[in-house]
Amino acid sequence: MIKGVNRRVIEINSTESDYFEKAVLYLRPGSDELPPKLLNDEAASYLQRITGSRGRRRVMTAAEIAGLSSALTAVVTLIIMTILFTM
């Protein structure tokens, strides 16, 4: 026996997750009369709540790490030199 189901869904293809390709949210009966923008915003908000993030984290490049390391080394050297010359 085949049972027909007529359900409205919102499919989110860009989950920005390393693990999930897409999310499918089934609308409650009667909520499909709401404006599409409101439904899409609510779907995005819900997806953010359940993933616990607001998008992908930014990963530092090797050049940024090298620059940060150099700046930190310069600051530490300046502090040590200041301490040594004030004695």
Protein backbone atom coordinates (compact mmCIF):
# COMPACT_ATOMS: atom_id res chain seq x y z
CA MET A 1 0.00 0.00 0.00
CA ILE A 2 1.30 3.42 -0.95
CA LYS A 3 0.27 6.31 1.21
CA GLY A 4 0.36 9.81 -0.26
CA VAL A 5 1.83 12.54 1.91
CA ASN A 6 1.50 16.21 1.16
CA ARG A 7 3.99 18.04 3.39
CA ARG A 8 5.70 21.40 2.92
CA VAL A 9 9.43 21.46 3.60
CA ILE A 10 12.33 23.88 3.73
CA GLU A 11 15.55 22.39 2.42
CA ILE A 12 18.80 24.08 3.44
CA ASN A 13 21.64 23.11 1.10
CA SER A 14 24.42 25.27 2.58
CA THR A 15 24.69 24.13 6.19
CA GLU A 16 28.31 25.32 6.47
CA SER A 17 29.05 22.12 8.36
CA ASP A 18 31.89 19.69 7.80
CA TYR A 19 29.54 16.81 8.59
CA PHE A 20 26.11 17.67 7.18
CA GLU A 21 25.41 18.30 3.53
CA LYS A 22 21.84 19.55 3.88
CA ALA A 23 19.03 20.00 6.39
CA VAL A 24 15.36 19.34 5.71
CA LEU A 25 12.77 20.99 7.95
CA TYR A 26 9.11 19.97 7.74
CA LEU A 27 6.63 22.80 8.20
CA ARG A 28 3.81 22.39 10.68
CA PRO A 29 0.30 22.43 9.21
CA GLY A 30 -0.87 26.02 8.74
CA SER A 31 2.59 27.59 8.92
CA ASP A 32 2.97 27.51 5.15
CA GLU A 33 0.69 30.56 5.05
CA LEU A 34 3.42 32.70 6.67
CA PRO A 35 5.70 34.86 4.48
CA PRO A 36 8.54 32.85 2.91
CA LYS A 37 11.19 35.30 4.22
CA LEU A 38 10.00 34.75 7.80
CA LEU A 39 10.11 30.98 7.34
CA ASN A 40 13.59 31.09 5.81
CA ASP A 41 14.90 33.36 8.57
CA GLU A 42 13.44 31.06 11.24
CA ALA A 43 14.96 28.02 9.51
CA ALA A 44 18.40 29.67 9.43
CA SER A 45 18.06 30.70 13.08
CA TYR A 46 17.09 27.16 14.07
CA LEU A 47 20.01 25.69 12.17
CA GLN A 48 22.40 28.06 13.97
CA ARG A 49 20.96 27.04 17.34
CA ILE A 50 21.30 23.31 16.75
CA THR A 51 24.80 23.53 15.29
CA GLY A 52 26.00 25.91 17.99
CA SER A 53 27.85 28.13 15.56
CA ARG A 54 27.37 31.06 13.29
CA GLY A 55 29.25 29.64 10.35
CA ARG A 56 32.66 28.27 9.72
CA ARG A 57 35.54 29.24 11.91
CA ARG A 58 38.28 31.16 10.17
CA VAL A 59 41.58 29.28 9.99
CA MET A 60 44.79 31.29 10.09
CA THR A 61 47.11 30.92 7.13
CA ALA A 62 50.79 30.04 7.53
CA ALA A 63 51.75 33.63 6.65
CA GLU A 64 49.45 35.00 9.36
CA ILE A 65 50.88 32.60 11.93
CA ALA A 66 54.44 33.57 10.95
CA GLY A 67 53.60 37.28 11.18
CA LEU A 68 51.94 36.87 14.57
CA SER A 69 54.88 34.84 15.82
CA SER A 70 57.34 37.50 14.64
CA ALA A 71 55.36 40.28 16.29
CA LEU A 72 55.15 38.35 19.55
CA THR A 73 58.91 37.66 19.46
CA ALA A 74 59.61 41.36 18.91
CA VAL A 75 57.42 42.36 21.87
CA VAL A 76 59.06 39.80 24.19
CA THR A 77 62.53 40.92 23.06
CA LEU A 78 61.61 44.56 23.71
CA ILE A 79 60.39 43.72 27.21
CA ILE A 80 63.54 41.74 28.03
CA MET A 81 65.82 44.49 26.66
CA THR A 82 63.94 47.14 28.66
CA ILE A 83 64.31 45.12 31.84
CA LEU A 84 68.03 44.49 31.26
CA PHE A 85 68.89 48.12 30.46
CA THR A 86 67.00 49.56 33.42
CA MET A 87 69.02 47.52 35.93
